[in-house]
Amino acid sequence: MTKKKRVLIADDDRILTHLLSSRLQAKGWAVDVALDAMQAVMFTRQHTPDVIVLDIAMPGGTGRQALHSLKASSKLRGIPVVVLSGSVDPDEEAKLVALGAVEFLRKPIDPDVLDARLRAALGEDAAA
């Protein structure tokens, strides 16, 4: 039996985090939730998830600042970060990928699409 992959969902929208957590757990993920950017960085330093889902607009510092902190750490920079954003800025995706995000998804997000993108970020077959 393989160990469940651990995902940290960092988003201040409690309804969204509950929905995504439930759906990802049903697909075999171990899920942790952080409700602000600072909490996400602190959690990651202590627990090192396999992959992070990071909202860009959160209290406690922006998701952009959290992404920068994660990628500045030699211990944490290898963790894939999938960014969620409700932004309509057409340049936002390129900016965040340049900062180290492996994927950029616009809200609202389909949990099945998120599952597939998380597995791809970890180099896994989405059908796994």
N, C-alpha and C. Protein backbone atom coordinates (compact mmCIF):
# COMPACT_ATOMS: atom_id res chain seq x y z
N MET A 1 0.84 -1.19 0.00
CA MET A 1 0.00 0.00 0.00
C MET A 1 0.88 1.24 0.00
N THR A 2 0.58 2.16 -0.89
CA THR A 2 1.38 3.37 -0.96
C THR A 2 0.85 4.42 0.01
N LYS A 3 1.76 5.25 0.47
CA LYS A 3 1.42 6.33 1.38
C LYS A 3 0.62 7.39 0.63
N LYS A 4 -0.41 7.93 1.28
CA LYS A 4 -1.20 9.00 0.68
C LYS A 4 -0.32 10.21 0.47
N LYS A 5 -0.49 10.87 -0.66
CA LYS A 5 0.20 12.13 -0.90
C LYS A 5 -0.50 13.21 -0.11
N ARG A 6 0.28 14.12 0.46
CA ARG A 6 -0.25 15.19 1.31
C ARG A 6 -0.28 16.50 0.53
N VAL A 7 -1.47 17.12 0.53
CA VAL A 7 -1.65 18.41 -0.11
C VAL A 7 -2.05 19.43 0.95
N LEU A 8 -1.47 20.61 0.87
CA LEU A 8 -1.87 21.74 1.70
C LEU A 8 -2.69 22.67 0.83
N ILE A 9 -3.92 22.95 1.24
CA ILE A 9 -4.76 23.92 0.56
C ILE A 9 -4.71 25.20 1.38
N ALA A 10 -4.19 26.26 0.79
CA ALA A 10 -4.07 27.55 1.46
C ALA A 10 -5.02 28.53 0.78
N ASP A 11 -6.14 28.77 1.44
CA ASP A 11 -7.17 29.65 0.89
C ASP A 11 -8.03 30.12 2.06
N ASP A 12 -8.43 31.38 2.06
CA ASP A 12 -9.23 31.91 3.16
C ASP A 12 -10.72 31.66 2.98
N ASP A 13 -11.13 31.09 1.86
CA ASP A 13 -12.53 30.78 1.60
C ASP A 13 -12.85 29.41 2.22
N ARG A 14 -13.50 29.42 3.37
CA ARG A 14 -13.77 28.18 4.11
C ARG A 14 -14.68 27.22 3.34
N ILE A 15 -15.61 27.76 2.59
CA ILE A 15 -16.51 26.90 1.80
C ILE A 15 -15.70 26.18 0.72
N LEU A 16 -14.86 26.93 0.02
CA LEU A 16 -14.04 26.32 -1.02
C LEU A 16 -13.07 25.29 -0.44
N THR A 17 -12.41 25.62 0.67
CA THR A 17 -11.46 24.66 1.24
C THR A 17 -12.18 23.39 1.70
N HIS A 18 -13.39 23.54 2.22
CA HIS A 18 -14.15 22.36 2.63
C HIS A 18 -14.51 21.51 1.42
N LEU A 19 -14.99 22.14 0.36
CA LEU A 19 -15.35 21.42 -0.86
C LEU A 19 -14.14 20.70 -1.45
N LEU A 20 -13.04 21.43 -1.61
CA LEU A 20 -11.84 20.83 -2.19
C LEU A 20 -11.28 19.73 -1.30
N SER A 21 -11.27 19.96 0.01
CA SER A 21 -10.76 18.95 0.95
C SER A 21 -11.56 17.66 0.83
N SER A 22 -12.88 17.78 0.84
CA SER A 22 -13.74 16.60 0.77
C SER A 22 -13.50 15.83 -0.52
N ARG A 23 -13.47 16.55 -1.62
CA ARG A 23 -13.32 15.88 -2.92
C ARG A 23 -11.94 15.26 -3.08
N LEU A 24 -10.91 15.96 -2.62
CA LEU A 24 -9.55 15.41 -2.75
C LEU A 24 -9.35 14.22 -1.80
N GLN A 25 -9.91 14.28 -0.60
CA GLN A 25 -9.80 13.14 0.32
C GLN A 25 -10.48 11.92 -0.29
N ALA A 26 -11.61 12.13 -0.96
CA ALA A 26 -12.31 11.01 -1.60
C ALA A 26 -11.48 10.41 -2.72
N LYS A 27 -10.53 11.17 -3.26
CA LYS A 27 -9.66 10.68 -4.32
C LYS A 27 -8.33 10.16 -3.77
N GLY A 28 -8.22 10.08 -2.44
CA GLY A 28 -7.05 9.45 -1.84
C GLY A 28 -5.97 10.38 -1.31
N TRP A 29 -6.22 11.67 -1.29
CA TRP A 29 -5.25 12.63 -0.77
C TRP A 29 -5.39 12.79 0.74
N ALA A 30 -4.29 13.05 1.42
CA ALA A 30 -4.30 13.53 2.80
C ALA A 30 -4.29 15.06 2.67
N VAL A 31 -5.24 15.74 3.29
CA VAL A 31 -5.42 17.17 3.07
C VAL A 31 -5.25 17.95 4.36
N ASP A 32 -4.47 19.03 4.29
CA ASP A 32 -4.35 20.00 5.37
C ASP A 32 -4.81 21.34 4.80
N VAL A 33 -5.28 22.22 5.69
CA VAL A 33 -5.79 23.51 5.25
C VAL A 33 -5.13 24.62 6.06
N ALA A 34 -4.74 25.69 5.37
CA ALA A 34 -4.27 26.93 6.00
C ALA A 34 -5.19 28.03 5.50
N LEU A 35 -5.61 28.90 6.41
CA LEU A 35 -6.58 29.93 6.04
C LEU A 35 -5.97 31.30 5.77
N ASP A 36 -4.66 31.40 5.88
CA ASP A 36 -3.98 32.63 5.46
C ASP A 36 -2.56 32.31 5.01
N ALA A 37 -1.94 33.27 4.37
CA ALA A 37 -0.63 33.05 3.75
C ALA A 37 0.46 32.72 4.77
N MET A 38 0.48 33.44 5.89
CA MET A 38 1.50 33.19 6.91
C MET A 38 1.34 31.79 7.49
N GLN A 39 0.11 31.39 7.76
CA GLN A 39 -0.15 30.05 8.28
C GLN A 39 0.32 28.99 7.28
N ALA A 40 0.14 29.25 6.00
CA ALA A 40 0.57 28.30 4.96
C ALA A 40 2.08 28.09 4.99
N VAL A 41 2.82 29.18 5.09
CA VAL A 41 4.29 29.09 5.11
C VAL A 41 4.75 28.40 6.38
N MET A 42 4.18 28.77 7.52
CA MET A 42 4.57 28.14 8.79
C MET A 42 4.26 26.65 8.79
N PHE A 43 3.09 26.27 8.29
CA PHE A 43 2.72 24.86 8.23
C PHE A 43 3.71 24.11 7.35
N THR A 44 4.01 24.67 6.20
CA THR A 44 4.91 23.99 5.25
C THR A 44 6.29 23.79 5.84
N ARG A 45 6.77 24.75 6.61
CA ARG A 45 8.08 24.60 7.24
C ARG A 45 8.10 23.46 8.26
N GLN A 46 6.96 23.21 8.90
CA GLN A 46 6.90 22.17 9.93
C GLN A 46 6.50 20.80 9.38
N HIS A 47 5.67 20.76 8.33
CA HIS A 47 5.09 19.49 7.92
C HIS A 47 5.42 19.06 6.49
N THR A 48 5.97 19.91 5.67
CA THR A 48 6.42 19.61 4.31
C THR A 48 5.44 18.76 3.50
N PRO A 49 4.37 19.38 3.01
CA PRO A 49 3.43 18.64 2.16
C PRO A 49 4.09 18.25 0.83
N ASP A 50 3.47 17.34 0.11
CA ASP A 50 3.99 16.93 -1.20
C ASP A 50 3.71 17.97 -2.26
N VAL A 51 2.60 18.70 -2.11
CA VAL A 51 2.18 19.72 -3.08
C VAL A 51 1.31 20.74 -2.34
N ILE A 52 1.32 21.97 -2.85
CA ILE A 52 0.56 23.06 -2.22
C ILE A 52 -0.39 23.67 -3.23
N VAL A 53 -1.62 23.93 -2.78
CA VAL A 53 -2.59 24.71 -3.54
C VAL A 53 -2.66 26.05 -2.84
N LEU A 54 -2.32 27.12 -3.55
CA LEU A 54 -2.14 28.43 -2.92
C LEU A 54 -2.99 29.49 -3.60
N ASP A 55 -3.93 30.06 -2.83
CA ASP A 55 -4.70 31.19 -3.32
C ASP A 55 -3.81 32.43 -3.27
N ILE A 56 -3.96 33.29 -4.24
CA ILE A 56 -3.12 34.48 -4.29
C ILE A 56 -3.65 35.60 -3.40
N ALA A 57 -4.96 35.72 -3.25
CA ALA A 57 -5.54 36.81 -2.45
C ALA A 57 -6.02 36.26 -1.11
N MET A 58 -5.18 36.44 -0.08
CA MET A 58 -5.50 35.97 1.27
C MET A 58 -5.04 36.99 2.29
N PRO A 59 -5.62 36.93 3.50
CA PRO A 59 -5.09 37.75 4.59
C PRO A 59 -3.77 37.16 5.10
N GLY A 60 -3.08 37.89 5.95
CA GLY A 60 -1.84 37.38 6.53
C GLY A 60 -0.70 37.38 5.53
N GLY A 61 -0.69 38.36 4.64
CA GLY A 61 0.29 38.40 3.56
C GLY A 61 -0.34 37.79 2.33
N THR A 62 0.11 38.17 1.19
CA THR A 62 -0.49 37.65 -0.04
C THR A 62 0.06 36.28 -0.39
N GLY A 63 -0.67 35.58 -1.22
CA GLY A 63 -0.19 34.31 -1.73
C GLY A 63 1.10 34.50 -2.50
N ARG A 64 1.23 35.64 -3.16
CA ARG A 64 2.47 35.95 -3.89
C ARG A 64 3.65 35.99 -2.92
N GLN A 65 3.46 36.61 -1.75
CA GLN A 65 4.53 36.66 -0.74
C GLN A 65 4.83 35.26 -0.21
N ALA A 66 3.78 34.47 -0.01
CA ALA A 66 3.98 33.09 0.46
C ALA A 66 4.76 32.29 -0.57
N LEU A 67 4.39 32.43 -1.84
CA LEU A 67 5.11 31.73 -2.91
C LEU A 67 6.57 32.13 -2.92
N HIS A 68 6.84 33.42 -2.78
CA HIS A 68 8.22 33.90 -2.75
C HIS A 68 8.98 33.30 -1.56
N SER A 69 8.36 33.26 -0.39
CA SER A 69 9.01 32.69 0.80
C SER A 69 9.31 31.20 0.61
N LEU A 70 8.35 30.48 0.04
CA LEU A 70 8.55 29.05 -0.18
C LEU A 70 9.69 28.79 -1.16
N LYS A 71 9.72 29.55 -2.23
CA LYS A 71 10.74 29.33 -3.26
C LYS A 71 12.10 29.86 -2.85
N ALA A 72 12.15 30.74 -1.84
CA ALA A 72 13.42 31.25 -1.35
C ALA A 72 14.09 30.28 -0.38
N SER A 73 13.35 29.30 0.12
CA SER A 73 13.87 28.34 1.09
C SER A 73 14.45 27.12 0.37
N SER A 74 15.70 26.80 0.64
CA SER A 74 16.31 25.64 -0.01
C SER A 74 15.58 24.35 0.37
N LYS A 75 15.01 24.28 1.56
CA LYS A 75 14.28 23.10 2.01
C LYS A 75 12.92 22.96 1.33
N LEU A 76 12.29 24.08 0.99
CA LEU A 76 10.91 24.06 0.51
C LEU A 76 10.74 24.33 -0.98
N ARG A 77 11.77 24.83 -1.63
CA ARG A 77 11.60 25.27 -3.02
C ARG A 77 11.20 24.17 -3.99
N GLY A 78 11.48 22.91 -3.63
CA GLY A 78 11.14 21.81 -4.52
C GLY A 78 9.69 21.36 -4.43
N ILE A 79 8.93 21.90 -3.48
CA ILE A 79 7.52 21.52 -3.35
C ILE A 79 6.73 22.21 -4.46
N PRO A 80 6.03 21.43 -5.29
CA PRO A 80 5.24 22.06 -6.36
C PRO A 80 4.11 22.90 -5.77
N VAL A 81 3.91 24.08 -6.34
CA VAL A 81 2.84 24.98 -5.91
C VAL A 81 1.90 25.23 -7.08
N VAL A 82 0.63 24.90 -6.86
CA VAL A 82 -0.43 25.17 -7.82
C VAL A 82 -1.17 26.40 -7.31
N VAL A 83 -1.20 27.45 -8.10
CA VAL A 83 -1.80 28.71 -7.69
C VAL A 83 -3.24 28.78 -8.17
N LEU A 84 -4.12 29.25 -7.26
CA LEU A 84 -5.51 29.55 -7.59
C LEU A 84 -5.68 31.06 -7.57
N SER A 85 -6.43 31.57 -8.51
CA SER A 85 -6.66 33.01 -8.53
C SER A 85 -8.00 33.33 -9.17
N GLY A 86 -8.65 34.32 -8.62
CA GLY A 86 -9.86 34.85 -9.23
C GLY A 86 -9.54 36.06 -10.09
N SER A 87 -8.26 36.37 -10.24
CA SER A 87 -7.83 37.54 -11.00
C SER A 87 -8.20 37.41 -12.48
N VAL A 88 -8.56 38.53 -13.06
CA VAL A 88 -8.82 38.56 -14.51
C VAL A 88 -7.64 39.20 -15.25
N ASP A 89 -6.57 39.50 -14.54
CA ASP A 89 -5.37 40.08 -15.15
C ASP A 89 -4.74 39.04 -16.09
N PRO A 90 -4.67 39.34 -17.39
CA PRO A 90 -4.13 38.35 -18.33
C PRO A 90 -2.65 38.05 -18.13
N ASP A 91 -1.92 38.92 -17.43
CA ASP A 91 -0.49 38.71 -17.19
C ASP A 91 -0.21 37.97 -15.89
N GLU A 92 -1.24 37.76 -15.08
CA GLU A 92 -1.05 37.16 -13.75
C GLU A 92 -0.42 35.77 -13.83
N GLU A 93 -0.88 34.95 -14.76
CA GLU A 93 -0.36 33.59 -14.87
C GLU A 93 1.14 33.60 -15.13
N ALA A 94 1.59 34.38 -16.09
CA ALA A 94 3.02 34.43 -16.42
C ALA A 94 3.85 34.93 -15.23
N LYS A 95 3.33 35.91 -14.51
CA LYS A 95 4.04 36.46 -13.36
C LYS A 95 4.23 35.40 -12.27
N LEU A 96 3.16 34.63 -12.00
CA LEU A 96 3.23 33.64 -10.93
C LEU A 96 4.05 32.42 -11.32
N VAL A 97 3.99 32.02 -12.57
CA VAL A 97 4.84 30.93 -13.03
C VAL A 97 6.31 31.35 -12.95
N ALA A 98 6.58 32.61 -13.29
CA ALA A 98 7.95 33.12 -13.19
C ALA A 98 8.44 33.12 -11.74
N LEU A 99 7.53 33.26 -10.77
CA LEU A 99 7.90 33.22 -9.35
C LEU A 99 8.08 31.79 -8.84
N GLY A 100 7.68 30.78 -9.64
CA GLY A 100 7.92 29.41 -9.23
C GLY A 100 6.69 28.51 -9.17
N ALA A 101 5.50 29.03 -9.46
CA ALA A 101 4.31 28.17 -9.49
C ALA A 101 4.43 27.19 -10.64
N VAL A 102 4.00 25.95 -10.43
CA VAL A 102 4.05 24.95 -11.51
C VAL A 102 2.76 24.95 -12.32
N GLU A 103 1.73 25.55 -11.76
CA GLU A 103 0.43 25.55 -12.43
C GLU A 103 -0.35 26.77 -11.96
N PHE A 104 -1.20 27.29 -12.83
CA PHE A 104 -2.04 28.44 -12.52
C PHE A 104 -3.46 28.08 -12.93
N LEU A 105 -4.39 28.11 -11.96
CA LEU A 105 -5.78 27.79 -12.24
C LEU A 105 -6.66 28.95 -11.80
N ARG A 106 -7.60 29.31 -12.65
CA ARG A 106 -8.53 30.38 -12.31
C ARG A 106 -9.73 29.82 -11.57
N LYS A 107 -10.21 30.57 -10.58
CA LYS A 107 -11.43 30.22 -9.86
C LYS A 107 -12.61 30.62 -10.71
N PRO A 108 -13.72 29.92 -10.62
CA PRO A 108 -13.94 28.73 -9.79
C PRO A 108 -13.24 27.52 -10.39
N ILE A 109 -12.81 26.62 -9.53
CA ILE A 109 -12.05 25.45 -9.98
C ILE A 109 -12.86 24.18 -9.78
N ASP A 110 -12.79 23.31 -10.75
CA ASP A 110 -13.43 22.00 -10.67
C ASP A 110 -12.48 21.10 -9.86
N PRO A 111 -12.96 20.47 -8.78
CA PRO A 111 -12.09 19.61 -7.97
C PRO A 111 -11.44 18.46 -8.75
N ASP A 112 -12.13 17.95 -9.76
CA ASP A 112 -11.55 16.87 -10.57
C ASP A 112 -10.38 17.38 -11.40
N VAL A 113 -10.50 18.60 -11.92
CA VAL A 113 -9.40 19.21 -12.66
C VAL A 113 -8.23 19.47 -11.71
N LEU A 114 -8.54 19.96 -10.52
CA LEU A 114 -7.48 20.20 -9.53
C LEU A 114 -6.75 18.91 -9.20
N ASP A 115 -7.49 17.83 -8.97
CA ASP A 115 -6.87 16.54 -8.68
C ASP A 115 -5.92 16.14 -9.80
N ALA A 116 -6.36 16.25 -11.03
CA ALA A 116 -5.51 15.89 -12.18
C ALA A 116 -4.27 16.77 -12.24
N ARG A 117 -4.42 18.06 -12.00
CA ARG A 117 -3.27 18.97 -12.05
C ARG A 117 -2.29 18.71 -10.91
N LEU A 118 -2.81 18.37 -9.74
CA LEU A 118 -1.92 18.05 -8.61
C LEU A 118 -1.12 16.79 -8.91
N ARG A 119 -1.77 15.78 -9.45
CA ARG A 119 -1.07 14.54 -9.79
C ARG A 119 -0.02 14.80 -10.88
N ALA A 120 -0.37 15.63 -11.85
CA ALA A 120 0.60 15.98 -12.91
C ALA A 120 1.79 16.74 -12.31
N ALA A 121 1.53 17.63 -11.34
CA ALA A 121 2.61 18.39 -10.71
C ALA A 121 3.58 17.46 -9.97
N LEU A 122 3.06 16.31 -9.52
CA LEU A 122 3.90 15.34 -8.82
C LEU A 122 4.44 14.26 -9.76
N GLY A 123 4.15 14.40 -11.04
CA GLY A 123 4.64 13.43 -12.01
C GLY A 123 3.89 12.12 -11.97
N GLU A 124 2.65 12.15 -11.50
CA GLU A 124 1.84 10.92 -11.42
C GLU A 124 0.84 10.87 -12.56
N ASP A 125 0.40 9.66 -12.83
CA ASP A 125 -0.68 9.46 -13.79
C ASP A 125 -1.98 9.92 -13.15
N ALA A 126 -2.75 10.77 -13.83
CA ALA A 126 -3.99 11.29 -13.29
C ALA A 126 -5.01 10.20 -13.01
N ALA A 127 -4.87 9.05 -13.63
CA ALA A 127 -5.81 7.95 -13.41
C ALA A 127 -5.45 7.13 -12.17
N ALA A 128 -4.33 7.47 -11.53
CA ALA A 128 -3.86 6.70 -10.37
C ALA A 128 -4.78 6.83 -9.18
